[in-house]
PDB file of N, CA and C in Angstrom:
ATOM      1  N   MET A   1     110.094 107.472 117.380  1.00  0.00           N
ATOM      2  CA  MET A   1     109.722 106.774 116.155  1.00  0.00           C
ATOM      3  C   MET A   1     110.975 106.399 115.391  1.00  0.00           C
ATOM      4  N   GLY A   2     110.973 105.200 114.849  1.00  0.00           N
ATOM      5  CA  GLY A   2     112.111 104.707 114.080  1.00  0.00           C
ATOM      6  C   GLY A   2     111.952 104.975 112.598  1.00  0.00           C
ATOM      7  N   GLU A   3     112.493 104.095 111.830  1.00  0.00           N
ATOM      8  CA  GLU A   3     112.460 104.179 110.375  1.00  0.00           C
ATOM      9  C   GLU A   3     111.038 103.958 109.854  1.00  0.00           C
ATOM     10  N   VAL A   4     110.719 104.596 108.723  1.00  0.00           N
ATOM     11  CA  VAL A   4     109.428 104.380 108.073  1.00  0.00           C
ATOM     12  C   VAL A   4     109.695 103.833 106.671  1.00  0.00           C
ATOM     13  N   ARG A   5     109.139 102.670 106.398  1.00  0.00           N
ATOM     14  CA  ARG A   5     109.233 102.058 105.065  1.00  0.00           C
ATOM     15  C   ARG A   5     107.863 102.094 104.420  1.00  0.00           C
ATOM     16  N   SER A   6     107.847 102.066 103.100  1.00  0.00           N
ATOM     17  CA  SER A   6     106.585 102.043 102.359  1.00  0.00           C
ATOM     18  C   SER A   6     106.611 100.923 101.333  1.00  0.00           C
ATOM     19  N   ILE A   7     105.461 100.285 101.165  1.00  0.00           N
ATOM     20  CA  ILE A   7     105.293  99.312 100.087  1.00  0.00           C
ATOM     21  C   ILE A   7     103.989  99.628  99.363  1.00  0.00           C
ATOM     22  N   ASP A   8     103.963  99.310  98.086  1.00  0.00           N
ATOM     23  CA  ASP A   8     102.788  99.533  97.248  1.00  0.00           C
ATOM     24  C   ASP A   8     102.361  98.180  96.700  1.00  0.00           C
ATOM     25  N   VAL A   9     101.214  97.689  97.176  1.00  0.00           N
ATOM     26  CA  VAL A   9     100.715  96.395  96.724  1.00  0.00           C
ATOM     27  C   VAL A   9      99.420  96.559  95.920  1.00  0.00           C
ATOM     28  N   GLN A  10      99.273  97.717  95.289  1.00  0.00           N
ATOM     29  CA  GLN A  10      98.105  97.938  94.435  1.00  0.00           C
ATOM     30  C   GLN A  10      98.138  96.951  93.276  1.00  0.00           C
ATOM     31  N   GLY A  11      96.979  96.439  92.938  1.00  0.00           N
ATOM     32  CA  GLY A  11      96.882  95.502  91.826  1.00  0.00           C
ATOM     33  C   GLY A  11      97.002  94.051  92.243  1.00  0.00           C
ATOM     34  N   TYR A  12      97.440  93.798  93.462  1.00  0.00           N
ATOM     35  CA  TYR A  12      97.546  92.429  93.966  1.00  0.00           C
ATOM     36  C   TYR A  12      96.251  92.033  94.658  1.00  0.00           C
ATOM     37  N   SER A  13      95.860  90.776  94.489  1.00  0.00           N
ATOM     38  CA  SER A  13      94.665  90.288  95.178  1.00  0.00           C
ATOM     39  C   SER A  13      95.098  89.359  96.305  1.00  0.00           C
ATOM     40  N   CYS A  14      94.149  89.030  97.175  1.00  0.00           N
ATOM     41  CA  CYS A  14      94.429  88.159  98.314  1.00  0.00           C
ATOM     42  C   CYS A  14      95.000  86.833  97.826  1.00  0.00           C
ATOM     43  N   PRO A  15      95.917  86.303  98.536  1.00  0.00           N
ATOM     44  CA  PRO A  15      96.469  86.693  99.834  1.00  0.00           C
ATOM     45  C   PRO A  15      97.778  87.479  99.725  1.00  0.00           C
ATOM     46  N   TYR A  16      98.154  87.897  98.507  1.00  0.00           N
ATOM     47  CA  TYR A  16      99.475  88.498  98.300  1.00  0.00           C
ATOM     48  C   TYR A  16      99.743  89.764  99.105  1.00  0.00           C
ATOM     49  N   PRO A  17      98.811  90.729  99.204  1.00  0.00           N
ATOM     50  CA  PRO A  17      99.114  91.909 100.018  1.00  0.00           C
ATOM     51  C   PRO A  17      99.441  91.552 101.471  1.00  0.00           C
ATOM     52  N   LEU A  18      98.731  90.590 102.023  1.00  0.00           N
ATOM     53  CA  LEU A  18      98.989  90.172 103.398  1.00  0.00           C
ATOM     54  C   LEU A  18     100.358  89.520 103.519  1.00  0.00           C
ATOM     55  N   HIS A  19     100.683  88.609 102.618  1.00  0.00           N
ATOM     56  CA  HIS A  19     101.969  87.913 102.679  1.00  0.00           C
ATOM     57  C   HIS A  19     103.134  88.885 102.506  1.00  0.00           C
ATOM     58  N   ILE A  20     103.000  89.803 101.565  1.00  0.00           N
ATOM     59  CA  ILE A  20     104.058  90.792 101.326  1.00  0.00           C
ATOM     60  C   ILE A  20     104.223  91.680 102.553  1.00  0.00           C
ATOM     61  N   THR A  21     103.106  92.093 103.149  1.00  0.00           N
ATOM     62  CA  THR A  21     103.149  92.943 104.346  1.00  0.00           C
ATOM     63  C   THR A  21     103.850  92.230 105.491  1.00  0.00           C
ATOM     64  N   LEU A  22     103.474  90.991 105.764  1.00  0.00           N
ATOM     65  CA  LEU A  22     104.087  90.256 106.870  1.00  0.00           C
ATOM     66  C   LEU A  22     105.567  90.000 106.621  1.00  0.00           C
ATOM     67  N   MET A  23     105.937  89.755 105.366  1.00  0.00           N
ATOM     68  CA  MET A  23     107.340  89.560 105.030  1.00  0.00           C
ATOM     69  C   MET A  23     108.139  90.844 105.295  1.00  0.00           C
ATOM     70  N   GLU A  24     107.582  91.989 104.895  1.00  0.00           N
ATOM     71  CA  GLU A  24     108.260  93.264 105.121  1.00  0.00           C
ATOM     72  C   GLU A  24     108.335  93.602 106.608  1.00  0.00           C
ATOM     73  N   MET A  25     107.282  93.290 107.359  1.00  0.00           N
ATOM     74  CA  MET A  25     107.295  93.547 108.795  1.00  0.00           C
ATOM     75  C   MET A  25     108.380  92.732 109.490  1.00  0.00           C
ATOM     76  N   SER A  26     108.648  91.544 108.995  1.00  0.00           N
ATOM     77  CA  SER A  26     109.685  90.708 109.612  1.00  0.00           C
ATOM     78  C   SER A  26     111.077  91.286 109.384  1.00  0.00           C
ATOM     79  N   LYS A  27     111.223  92.154 108.388  1.00  0.00           N
ATOM     80  CA  LYS A  27     112.527  92.727 108.047  1.00  0.00           C
ATOM     81  C   LYS A  27     112.836  94.025 108.790  1.00  0.00           C
ATOM     82  N   ILE A  28     111.823  94.673 109.357  1.00  0.00           N
ATOM     83  CA  ILE A  28     112.063  95.968 109.991  1.00  0.00           C
ATOM     84  C   ILE A  28     112.339  95.804 111.476  1.00  0.00           C
ATOM     85  N   GLY A  29     112.911  96.840 112.068  1.00  0.00           N
ATOM     86  CA  GLY A  29     113.281  96.792 113.476  1.00  0.00           C
ATOM     87  C   GLY A  29     112.132  97.169 114.397  1.00  0.00           C
ATOM     88  N   GLN A  30     112.315  96.856 115.668  1.00  0.00           N
ATOM     89  CA  GLN A  30     111.320  97.205 116.681  1.00  0.00           C
ATOM     90  C   GLN A  30     111.147  98.731 116.717  1.00  0.00           C
ATOM     91  N   GLY A  31     109.905  99.189 116.706  1.00  0.00           N
ATOM     92  CA  GLY A  31     109.612 100.624 116.722  1.00  0.00           C
ATOM     93  C   GLY A  31     109.537 101.252 115.343  1.00  0.00           C
ATOM     94  N   ASP A  32     109.927 100.490 114.297  1.00  0.00           N
ATOM     95  CA  ASP A  32     109.835 100.994 112.929  1.00  0.00           C
ATOM     96  C   ASP A  32     108.405 100.853 112.421  1.00  0.00           C
ATOM     97  N   ARG A  33     108.117 101.615 111.372  1.00  0.00           N
ATOM     98  CA  ARG A  33     106.772 101.617 110.799  1.00  0.00           C
ATOM     99  C   ARG A  33     106.791 101.183 109.338  1.00  0.00           C
ATOM    100  N   LEU A  34     105.671 100.616 108.919  1.00  0.00           N
ATOM    101  CA  LEU A  34     105.484 100.225 107.532  1.00  0.00           C
ATOM    102  C   LEU A  34     104.184 100.834 107.034  1.00  0.00           C
ATOM    103  N   GLU A  35     104.273 101.584 105.929  1.00  0.00           N
ATOM    104  CA  GLU A  35     103.094 102.138 105.269  1.00  0.00           C
ATOM    105  C   GLU A  35     102.774 101.264 104.071  1.00  0.00           C
ATOM    106  N   ILE A  36     101.534 100.821 103.982  1.00  0.00           N
ATOM    107  CA  ILE A  36     101.096  99.947 102.895  1.00  0.00           C
ATOM    108  C   ILE A  36     100.040 100.667 102.083  1.00  0.00           C
ATOM    109  N   LEU A  37     100.255 100.779 100.764  1.00  0.00           N
ATOM    110  CA  LEU A  37      99.243 101.304  99.851  1.00  0.00           C
ATOM    111  C   LEU A  37      98.622 100.112  99.144  1.00  0.00           C
ATOM    112  N   LEU A  38      97.285 100.021  99.172  1.00  0.00           N
ATOM    113  CA  LEU A  38      96.621  98.875  98.580  1.00  0.00           C
ATOM    114  C   LEU A  38      95.237  99.245  98.066  1.00  0.00           C
ATOM    115  N   ASP A  39      94.745  98.401  97.178  1.00  0.00           N
ATOM    116  CA  ASP A  39      93.426  98.640  96.584  1.00  0.00           C
ATOM    117  C   ASP A  39      92.557  97.383  96.588  1.00  0.00           C
ATOM    118  N   ASN A  40      92.914  96.418  97.430  1.00  0.00           N
ATOM    119  CA  ASN A  40      92.155  95.181  97.520  1.00  0.00           C
ATOM    120  C   ASN A  40      91.336  95.200  98.812  1.00  0.00           C
ATOM    121  N   PRO A  41      89.993  95.377  98.705  1.00  0.00           N
ATOM    122  CA  PRO A  41      89.160  95.522  99.913  1.00  0.00           C
ATOM    123  C   PRO A  41      89.322  94.422 100.966  1.00  0.00           C
ATOM    124  N   PRO A  42      89.345  93.135 100.588  1.00  0.00           N
ATOM    125  CA  PRO A  42      89.512  92.117 101.637  1.00  0.00           C
ATOM    126  C   PRO A  42      90.836  92.270 102.401  1.00  0.00           C
ATOM    127  N   SER A  43      91.885  92.680 101.705  1.00  0.00           N
ATOM    128  CA  SER A  43      93.180  92.861 102.356  1.00  0.00           C
ATOM    129  C   SER A  43      93.149  94.003 103.363  1.00  0.00           C
ATOM    130  N   CYS A  44      92.290  94.990 103.124  1.00  0.00           N
ATOM    131  CA  CYS A  44      92.151  96.114 104.054  1.00  0.00           C
ATOM    132  C   CYS A  44      91.622  95.642 105.405  1.00  0.00           C
ATOM    133  N   GLU A  45      90.892  94.549 105.402  1.00  0.00           N
ATOM    134  CA  GLU A  45      90.384  93.965 106.641  1.00  0.00           C
ATOM    135  C   GLU A  45      91.368  92.933 107.196  1.00  0.00           C
ATOM    136  N   ASP A  46      91.947  92.113 106.308  1.00  0.00           N
ATOM    137  CA  ASP A  46      92.823  91.020 106.731  1.00  0.00           C
ATOM    138  C   ASP A  46      94.138  91.503 107.335  1.00  0.00           C
ATOM    139  N   ILE A  47      94.730  92.531 106.754  1.00  0.00           N
ATOM    140  CA  ILE A  47      96.051  92.990 107.210  1.00  0.00           C
ATOM    141  C   ILE A  47      96.006  93.500 108.652  1.00  0.00           C
ATOM    142  N   PRO A  48      95.075  94.394 109.019  1.00  0.00           N
ATOM    143  CA  PRO A  48      95.046  94.831 110.424  1.00  0.00           C
ATOM    144  C   PRO A  48      94.796  93.691 111.414  1.00  0.00           C
ATOM    145  N   ILE A  49      93.949  92.734 111.046  1.00  0.00           N
ATOM    146  CA  ILE A  49      93.667  91.597 111.931  1.00  0.00           C
ATOM    147  C   ILE A  49      94.927  90.750 112.120  1.00  0.00           C
ATOM    148  N   ALA A  50      95.579  90.413 111.018  1.00  0.00           N
ATOM    149  CA  ALA A  50      96.791  89.587 111.092  1.00  0.00           C
ATOM    150  C   ALA A  50      97.907  90.323 111.821  1.00  0.00           C
ATOM    151  N   ALA A  51      98.030  91.622 111.586  1.00  0.00           N
ATOM    152  CA  ALA A  51      99.069  92.414 112.256  1.00  0.00           C
ATOM    153  C   ALA A  51      98.857  92.415 113.769  1.00  0.00           C
ATOM    154  N   GLY A  52      97.611  92.575 114.182  1.00  0.00           N
ATOM    155  CA  GLY A  52      97.306  92.548 115.610  1.00  0.00           C
ATOM    156  C   GLY A  52      97.648  91.217 116.245  1.00  0.00           C
ATOM    157  N   LYS A  53      97.375  90.135 115.533  1.00  0.00           N
ATOM    158  CA  LYS A  53      97.689  88.801 116.050  1.00  0.00           C
ATOM    159  C   LYS A  53      99.194  88.585 116.194  1.00  0.00           C
ATOM    160  N   LYS A  54      99.973  89.279 115.347  1.00  0.00           N
ATOM    161  CA  LYS A  54     101.435  89.170 115.411  1.00  0.00           C
ATOM    162  C   LYS A  54     102.030  90.111 116.456  1.00  0.00           C
ATOM    163  N   GLY A  55     101.185  90.954 117.051  1.00  0.00           N
ATOM    164  CA  GLY A  55     101.672  91.878 118.059  1.00  0.00           C
ATOM    165  C   GLY A  55     102.079  93.236 117.519  1.00  0.00           C
ATOM    166  N   TYR A  56     101.775  93.495 116.246  1.00  0.00           N
ATOM    167  CA  TYR A  56     102.087  94.793 115.644  1.00  0.00           C
ATOM    168  C   TYR A  56     100.965  95.775 115.958  1.00  0.00           C
ATOM    169  N   LYS A  57     101.308  97.051 116.034  1.00  0.00           N
ATOM    170  CA  LYS A  57     100.308  98.092 116.270  1.00  0.00           C
ATOM    171  C   LYS A  57      99.760  98.582 114.935  1.00  0.00           C
ATOM    172  N   VAL A  58      98.441  98.694 114.848  1.00  0.00           N
ATOM    173  CA  VAL A  58      97.791  99.274 113.684  1.00  0.00           C
ATOM    174  C   VAL A  58      97.582 100.755 114.011  1.00  0.00           C
ATOM    175  N   LEU A  59      98.366 101.613 113.390  1.00  0.00           N
ATOM    176  CA  LEU A  59      98.315 103.040 113.692  1.00  0.00           C
ATOM    177  C   LEU A  59      97.298 103.784 112.850  1.00  0.00           C
ATOM    178  N   GLU A  60      97.045 103.282 111.646  1.00  0.00           N
ATOM    179  CA  GLU A  60      96.183 104.028 110.730  1.00  0.00           C
ATOM    180  C   GLU A  60      95.623 103.111 109.655  1.00  0.00           C
ATOM    181  N   VAL A  61      94.358 103.295 109.337  1.00  0.00           N
ATOM    182  CA  VAL A  61      93.728 102.697 108.158  1.00  0.00           C
ATOM    183  C   VAL A  61      92.948 103.833 107.527  1.00  0.00           C
ATOM    184  N   THR A  62      93.419 104.323 106.387  1.00  0.00           N
ATOM    185  CA  THR A  62      92.857 105.519 105.776  1.00  0.00           C
ATOM    186  C   THR A  62      92.377 105.241 104.364  1.00  0.00           C
ATOM    187  N   LYS A  63      91.192 105.726 104.064  1.00  0.00           N
ATOM    188  CA  LYS A  63      90.651 105.659 102.707  1.00  0.00           C
ATOM    189  C   LYS A  63      91.145 106.904 101.969  1.00  0.00           C
ATOM    190  N   LEU A  64      91.999 106.698 100.957  1.00  0.00           N
ATOM    191  CA  LEU A  64      92.568 107.822 100.217  1.00  0.00           C
ATOM    192  C   LEU A  64      91.692 108.259  99.044  1.00  0.00           C
ATOM    193  N   ASP A  65      91.007 107.299  98.429  1.00  0.00           N
ATOM    194  CA  ASP A  65      90.017 107.600  97.385  1.00  0.00           C
ATOM    195  C   ASP A  65      89.072 106.412  97.285  1.00  0.00           C
ATOM    196  N   GLU A  66      88.327 106.298  96.211  1.00  0.00           N
ATOM    197  CA  GLU A  66      87.327 105.232  96.094  1.00  0.00           C
ATOM    198  C   GLU A  66      87.899 103.829  96.267  1.00  0.00           C
ATOM    199  N   THR A  67      89.123 103.618  95.778  1.00  0.00           N
ATOM    200  CA  THR A  67      89.700 102.273  95.856  1.00  0.00           C
ATOM    201  C   THR A  67      90.984 102.200  96.662  1.00  0.00           C
ATOM    202  N   LEU A  68      91.722 103.278  96.757  1.00  0.00           N
ATOM    203  CA  LEU A  68      93.030 103.272  97.393  1.00  0.00           C
ATOM    204  C   LEU A  68      92.952 103.463  98.907  1.00  0.00           C
ATOM    205  N   ARG A  69      93.673 102.611  99.638  1.00  0.00           N
ATOM    206  CA  ARG A  69      93.742 102.683 101.090  1.00  0.00           C
ATOM    207  C   ARG A  69      95.198 102.735 101.533  1.00  0.00           C
ATOM    208  N   LYS A  70      95.416 103.285 102.724  1.00  0.00           N
ATOM    209  CA  LYS A  70      96.744 103.278 103.327  1.00  0.00           C
ATOM    210  C   LYS A  70      96.619 102.713 104.740  1.00  0.00           C
ATOM    211  N   ILE A  71      97.472 101.748 105.028  1.00  0.00           N
ATOM    212  CA  ILE A  71      97.545 101.161 106.364  1.00  0.00           C
ATOM    213  C   ILE A  71      98.946 101.435 106.894  1.00  0.00           C
ATOM    214  N   VAL A  72      99.020 101.878 108.145  1.00  0.00           N
ATOM    215  CA  VAL A  72     100.317 102.104 108.780  1.00  0.00           C
ATOM    216  C   VAL A  72     100.415 101.186 109.987  1.00  0.00           C
ATOM    217  N   LEU A  73     101.478 100.377 110.002  1.00  0.00           N
ATOM    218  CA  LEU A  73     101.732  99.447 111.091  1.00  0.00           C
ATOM    219  C   LEU A  73     103.032  99.808 111.775  1.00  0.00           C
ATOM    220  N   GLU A  74     103.113  99.481 113.062  1.00  0.00           N
ATOM    221  CA  GLU A  74     104.358  99.682 113.805  1.00  0.00           C
ATOM    222  C   GLU A  74     104.744  98.362 114.459  1.00  0.00           C
ATOM    223  N   LYS A  75     106.018  98.046 114.364  1.00  0.00           N
ATOM    224  CA  LYS A  75     106.508  96.794 114.951  1.00  0.00           C
ATOM    225  C   LYS A  75     106.868  97.037 116.410  1.00  0.00           C
TER     226      LYS A  75
END
């Protein structure tokens, strides 16, 4: 496992969490991971789909509480 980065996109609505996530994924190295904290339900569905299309691995989608989710991607 490589480096692990985290971003917090709570409070942002679509499409910003997705755009921010993809921008951050483009900056990390192969084998590195990105943890995303978010509270926008549509983004919880959109990010894993878009990540898969880009060839990234979706390692985790976790419900932390009623609104907060964590997604972990690997490049």
